[in-house]
């Protein structure tokens, strides 16, 4: 279903399931748009929203299954404004957000839907889920100059770490919050602005009145930014993303410094949750 503007979509009645989960995909360019949308439809989201320019192509079989909303991701923080408007419009709904060339994986996603996972997460009294954005990249940049290849995708198997997240007012570490780093943003940090080097994103969350997503991918409610509840570990998920690799090869200031993203800790991405669990890149918590 096409919507000529975000305002017209918000004015439409009963276009979203009351409890979700709803996926919001922000399309920044024309790379792997259809595969991104198909992947998230396969995850079991009850509704998938594609925020994308009107002149971008989309296969008919995909377009008939999603809400296509005319949208320009170019203005700075445009997606955060859109997400916050969705939060205000649909309190109580579980949402997820990502960009094209990003693919959500969660424990046992091959056999269980995202709705099943969030039902369990809700029963554990959690309203948000920490996701790690894991960089993907093609192994041959001469053959794939935009660094994107689903068949030849690689990721870093090591090099991830966390630091305490200080409270800006007290300077003390915030309880159950960490800043996570690694991947291409760590290996090529000289080309990445410091505020954008983290790889953690609260990409799955339940909307409520007054909730607001901030431009650093955290929320104004500090409990939403925690990686687990106080009494045991909780589920986490991974967003496997070509977005940083694309940006590093598109940027004139970095592209000529990077003949290849491969290094001794690169490994082929298997497109399976078991690999991410084995590498410690997401956590099943108490869900088995």
Protein backbone atom coordinates (compact mmCIF):
# COMPACT_ATOMS: atom_id res chain seq x y z
CA UNK A 1 0.00 0.00 0.00
CA UNK A 2 1.35 3.41 -1.00
CA UNK A 3 1.09 6.52 1.16
CA UNK A 4 1.93 9.86 -0.47
CA UNK A 5 3.37 11.28 2.76
CA UNK A 6 4.11 10.40 6.36
CA UNK A 7 1.33 12.75 7.46
CA UNK A 8 -1.21 10.91 5.31
CA UNK A 9 -0.07 7.59 6.77
CA UNK A 10 -0.52 8.85 10.33
CA UNK A 11 -3.98 10.14 9.49
CA UNK A 12 -5.08 6.76 8.13
CA UNK A 13 -7.15 4.75 10.59
CA UNK A 14 -6.41 1.20 11.68
CA UNK A 15 -3.36 0.76 9.44
CA UNK A 16 -1.24 -0.74 12.24
CA UNK A 17 -1.79 -3.76 14.50
CA UNK A 18 -2.43 -2.58 18.05
CA UNK A 19 0.40 -4.49 19.71
CA UNK A 20 2.76 -4.94 16.77
CA UNK A 21 5.46 -5.80 16.22
CA UNK A 22 5.93 -3.18 13.53
CA UNK A 23 9.16 -2.76 11.54
CA UNK A 24 10.20 0.68 10.30
CA UNK A 25 12.77 0.46 7.47
CA UNK A 26 14.41 3.74 6.45
CA UNK A 27 15.67 3.57 2.87
CA UNK A 28 18.71 5.79 2.29
CA UNK A 29 19.70 4.55 -1.18
CA UNK A 30 18.66 1.91 -3.72
CA UNK A 31 20.99 -0.85 -2.51
CA UNK A 32 19.32 -4.14 -1.48
CA UNK A 33 16.00 -2.50 -0.64
CA UNK A 34 13.88 -5.49 -1.64
CA UNK A 35 16.05 -8.02 0.23
CA UNK A 36 15.93 -5.89 3.37
CA UNK A 37 12.14 -5.73 3.28
CA UNK A 38 11.77 -9.43 2.43
CA UNK A 39 14.05 -10.40 5.32
CA UNK A 40 11.97 -8.50 7.84
CA UNK A 41 8.70 -9.76 6.41
CA UNK A 42 10.10 -13.28 6.90
CA UNK A 43 10.90 -12.46 10.55
CA UNK A 44 7.17 -12.29 11.20
CA UNK A 45 6.58 -8.57 11.74
CA UNK A 46 2.86 -7.97 11.55
CA UNK A 47 3.45 -4.78 9.61
CA UNK A 48 6.49 -3.46 7.71
CA UNK A 49 6.77 0.24 6.93
CA UNK A 50 9.13 1.29 4.13
CA UNK A 51 10.11 4.95 4.47
CA UNK A 52 11.56 5.71 1.03
CA UNK A 53 11.67 8.25 -1.80
CA UNK A 54 8.86 8.02 -4.32
CA UNK A 55 11.19 7.53 -7.29
CA UNK A 56 12.89 4.40 -5.91
CA UNK A 57 11.89 1.11 -7.55
CA UNK A 58 10.33 -1.70 -5.53
CA UNK A 59 9.20 -5.10 -6.86
CA UNK A 60 5.44 -5.45 -6.99
CA UNK A 61 5.43 -8.58 -4.82
CA UNK A 62 7.17 -6.66 -2.04
CA UNK A 63 5.22 -3.43 -2.41
CA UNK A 64 1.89 -5.21 -1.97
CA UNK A 65 3.04 -6.59 1.41
CA UNK A 66 4.40 -3.38 2.97
CA UNK A 67 3.26 0.15 3.69
CA UNK A 68 5.34 2.30 1.35
CA UNK A 69 5.59 5.81 2.80
CA UNK A 70 7.05 8.64 0.73
CA UNK A 71 9.95 9.91 2.82
CA UNK A 72 13.35 11.59 2.45
CA UNK A 73 16.07 10.32 4.79
CA UNK A 74 18.43 13.10 3.67
CA UNK A 75 17.66 15.77 6.32
CA UNK A 76 19.71 15.25 9.47
CA UNK A 77 17.88 13.21 12.12
CA UNK A 78 14.80 12.89 9.90
CA UNK A 79 14.34 9.23 10.88
CA UNK A 80 14.46 10.04 14.61
CA UNK A 81 11.71 12.62 14.19
CA UNK A 82 9.61 10.08 12.29
CA UNK A 83 10.14 7.37 14.93
CA UNK A 84 9.15 9.75 17.72
CA UNK A 85 5.99 10.66 15.87
CA UNK A 86 5.19 6.94 15.54
CA UNK A 87 5.79 6.48 19.27
CA UNK A 88 3.35 9.27 20.06
CA UNK A 89 0.78 7.88 17.63
CA UNK A 90 0.81 4.26 18.80
CA UNK A 91 1.53 3.84 22.54
CA UNK A 92 1.73 0.20 23.61
CA UNK A 93 2.98 -1.01 20.20
CA UNK A 94 6.27 -2.88 19.82
CA UNK A 95 8.46 -1.24 17.18
CA UNK A 96 11.71 -2.05 15.42
CA UNK A 97 13.75 0.23 13.20
CA UNK A 98 16.70 -0.12 10.84
CA UNK A 99 17.97 1.02 7.45
CA UNK A 100 18.21 -0.71 4.08
CA UNK A 101 21.10 -3.22 3.84
CA UNK A 102 20.52 -4.07 7.51
CA UNK A 103 19.15 -7.46 8.58
CA UNK A 104 17.77 -8.40 12.00
CA UNK A 105 18.88 -11.65 13.61
CA UNK A 106 17.80 -12.88 17.03
CA UNK A 107 18.27 -16.20 18.85
CA UNK A 108 16.56 -19.08 17.00
CA UNK A 109 15.12 -16.72 14.37
CA UNK A 110 15.15 -19.54 11.81
CA UNK A 111 12.30 -21.31 13.63
CA UNK A 112 10.65 -18.64 15.80
CA UNK A 113 8.98 -15.37 14.89
CA UNK A 114 9.93 -11.98 16.22
CA UNK A 115 6.48 -11.83 17.80
CA UNK A 116 7.18 -14.99 19.81
CA UNK A 117 10.45 -13.52 21.02
CA UNK A 118 8.87 -10.24 22.08
CA UNK A 119 6.05 -12.06 23.89
CA UNK A 120 8.68 -13.80 26.01
CA UNK A 121 10.61 -10.55 26.47
CA UNK A 122 7.43 -8.80 27.62
CA UNK A 123 6.75 -11.57 30.13
CA UNK A 124 10.16 -10.79 31.63
CA UNK A 125 8.91 -7.23 32.19
CA UNK A 126 11.16 -5.74 29.54
CA UNK A 127 10.01 -2.92 27.25
CA UNK A 128 13.16 -2.62 25.14
CA UNK A 129 15.87 -4.86 23.71
CA UNK A 130 19.52 -4.07 23.14
CA UNK A 131 20.76 -4.81 19.62
CA UNK A 132 24.35 -4.89 18.42
CA UNK A 133 24.94 -3.51 14.93
CA UNK A 134 27.42 -5.96 13.41
CA UNK A 135 29.25 -4.68 10.34
CA UNK A 136 29.12 -6.75 7.16
CA UNK A 137 31.32 -6.16 4.13
CA UNK A 138 32.12 -7.77 0.79
CA UNK A 139 35.47 -9.55 0.66
CA UNK A 140 36.42 -8.13 -2.78
CA UNK A 141 36.04 -4.37 -3.18
CA UNK A 142 37.19 -4.44 -6.80
CA UNK A 143 34.30 -6.71 -7.70
CA UNK A 144 31.88 -5.04 -5.25
CA UNK A 145 32.96 -1.38 -5.06
CA UNK A 146 30.04 -0.38 -2.80
CA UNK A 147 31.16 -3.10 -0.32
CA UNK A 148 27.81 -4.91 -0.51
CA UNK A 149 27.44 -8.57 -1.47
CA UNK A 150 25.00 -10.93 0.20
CA UNK A 151 26.78 -13.98 -1.21
CA UNK A 152 30.28 -12.81 -0.26
CA UNK A 153 29.45 -11.11 3.05
CA UNK A 154 32.07 -11.19 5.83
CA UNK A 155 32.18 -9.94 9.42
CA UNK A 156 34.76 -9.53 12.17
CA UNK A 157 34.82 -12.50 14.53
CA UNK A 158 36.75 -10.61 17.25
CA UNK A 159 37.55 -7.04 18.27
CA UNK A 160 34.38 -6.15 20.17
CA UNK A 161 34.48 -4.53 23.60
CA UNK A 162 32.42 -2.48 26.05
CA UNK A 163 33.08 0.52 28.30
CA UNK A 164 31.11 1.83 31.24
CA UNK A 165 28.58 4.51 30.27
CA UNK A 166 28.99 7.49 32.63
CA UNK A 167 26.11 9.63 33.75
CA UNK A 168 26.88 13.13 32.38
CA UNK A 169 25.63 14.77 35.61
CA UNK A 170 27.39 12.64 38.22
CA UNK A 171 30.22 11.07 36.24
CA UNK A 172 29.41 7.68 37.77
CA UNK A 173 28.68 4.64 35.57
CA UNK A 174 25.01 4.16 34.81
CA UNK A 175 23.54 0.93 36.15
CA UNK A 176 23.28 -1.89 33.58
CA UNK A 177 24.38 0.37 30.73
CA UNK A 178 27.50 0.01 28.57
CA UNK A 179 28.84 1.57 25.39
CA UNK A 180 29.78 -1.14 22.88
CA UNK A 181 32.42 -0.83 20.16
CA UNK A 182 33.94 -2.95 17.43
CA UNK A 183 33.76 -3.81 13.75
CA UNK A 184 34.62 -1.31 11.03
CA UNK A 185 33.89 1.68 13.27
CA UNK A 186 36.69 0.47 15.56
CA UNK A 187 39.16 -0.53 12.84
CA UNK A 188 38.65 2.71 10.90
CA UNK A 189 37.79 5.01 13.78
CA UNK A 190 39.83 7.87 12.29
CA UNK A 191 37.12 8.13 9.60
CA UNK A 192 34.17 7.92 12.01
CA UNK A 193 33.08 10.86 14.20
CA UNK A 194 33.45 9.98 17.88
CA UNK A 195 29.71 10.25 18.72
CA UNK A 196 28.96 7.65 16.02
CA UNK A 197 31.48 4.97 16.95
CA UNK A 198 29.19 2.92 19.20
CA UNK A 199 27.58 -0.22 17.81
CA UNK A 200 24.72 -0.55 20.32
CA UNK A 201 21.20 0.40 19.31
CA UNK A 202 17.92 0.01 21.18
CA UNK A 203 16.19 -1.07 17.99
CA UNK A 204 13.33 -3.06 19.53
CA UNK A 205 11.09 -1.19 21.98
CA UNK A 206 7.52 -0.74 23.12
CA UNK A 207 6.10 2.75 22.70
CA UNK A 208 4.58 4.63 25.61
CA UNK A 209 3.51 8.24 26.23
CA UNK A 210 6.47 10.57 26.73
CA UNK A 211 9.05 8.15 25.31
CA UNK A 212 11.55 9.76 22.95
CA UNK A 213 14.37 8.31 20.83
CA UNK A 214 17.53 10.41 20.87
CA UNK A 215 19.98 10.85 17.95
CA UNK A 216 22.53 8.56 19.64
CA UNK A 217 20.07 5.62 19.40
CA UNK A 218 19.21 5.74 23.13
CA UNK A 219 16.00 6.79 24.85
CA UNK A 220 15.07 9.48 27.35
CA UNK A 221 13.95 6.69 29.73
CA UNK A 222 17.19 5.22 31.13
CA UNK A 223 15.64 1.81 31.84
CA UNK A 224 15.09 1.41 28.09
CA UNK A 225 18.88 1.78 27.62
CA UNK A 226 19.82 -1.13 29.90
CA UNK A 227 21.13 -4.42 28.54
CA UNK A 228 19.28 -6.56 31.10
CA UNK A 229 17.01 -6.50 34.11
CA UNK A 230 18.58 -6.49 37.61
CA UNK A 231 18.06 -10.18 38.34
CA UNK A 232 19.35 -12.06 35.25
CA UNK A 233 20.54 -11.74 31.66
CA UNK A 234 17.96 -10.92 28.99
CA UNK A 235 17.70 -11.53 25.29
CA UNK A 236 19.72 -9.38 22.92
CA UNK A 237 19.68 -9.30 19.12
CA UNK A 238 22.01 -8.40 16.26
CA UNK A 239 21.49 -6.17 13.24
CA UNK A 240 23.88 -7.31 10.53
CA UNK A 241 24.61 -4.20 8.52
CA UNK A 242 26.46 -3.13 5.37
CA UNK A 243 25.72 0.52 6.22
CA UNK A 244 29.15 1.47 7.63
CA UNK A 245 31.02 -0.34 4.87
CA UNK A 246 28.95 1.50 2.26
CA UNK A 247 29.63 4.85 3.92
CA UNK A 248 33.38 4.26 4.20
CA UNK A 249 33.60 3.42 0.49
CA UNK A 250 31.28 6.25 -0.55
CA UNK A 251 33.15 8.90 1.45
CA UNK A 252 36.01 10.46 -0.59
CA UNK A 253 37.96 10.97 2.64
CA UNK A 254 38.17 7.24 3.37
CA UNK A 255 37.59 5.25 0.20
CA UNK A 256 41.16 5.48 -1.11
CA UNK A 257 42.57 4.42 2.29
CA UNK A 258 40.66 1.13 2.19
CA UNK A 259 41.65 -1.31 -0.58
CA UNK A 260 39.97 -4.14 1.34
CA UNK A 261 38.04 -4.63 4.57
CA UNK A 262 39.40 -8.14 5.04
CA UNK A 263 41.93 -8.84 7.81
CA UNK A 264 43.07 -11.88 9.77
CA UNK A 265 39.93 -11.81 11.93
CA UNK A 266 37.46 -11.75 9.04
CA UNK A 267 35.14 -14.70 8.55
CA UNK A 268 32.38 -15.45 6.08
CA UNK A 269 28.92 -14.57 7.35
CA UNK A 270 26.71 -17.67 7.40
CA UNK A 271 23.35 -15.82 7.59
CA UNK A 272 22.35 -17.93 10.61
CA UNK A 273 21.71 -17.02 14.24
CA UNK A 274 23.89 -19.90 15.49
CA UNK A 275 27.03 -18.21 14.18
CA UNK A 276 26.19 -14.97 15.98
CA UNK A 277 25.44 -16.84 19.21
CA UNK A 278 28.71 -18.78 18.96
CA UNK A 279 30.65 -15.54 18.45
CA UNK A 280 28.95 -13.97 21.48
CA UNK A 281 27.31 -11.27 19.36
CA UNK A 282 23.89 -11.80 20.90
CA UNK A 283 22.48 -13.39 24.04
CA UNK A 284 19.57 -15.88 24.37
CA UNK A 285 19.03 -15.05 28.03
CA UNK A 286 16.47 -17.43 29.55
CA UNK A 287 14.82 -18.20 26.18
CA UNK A 288 15.54 -21.68 24.92
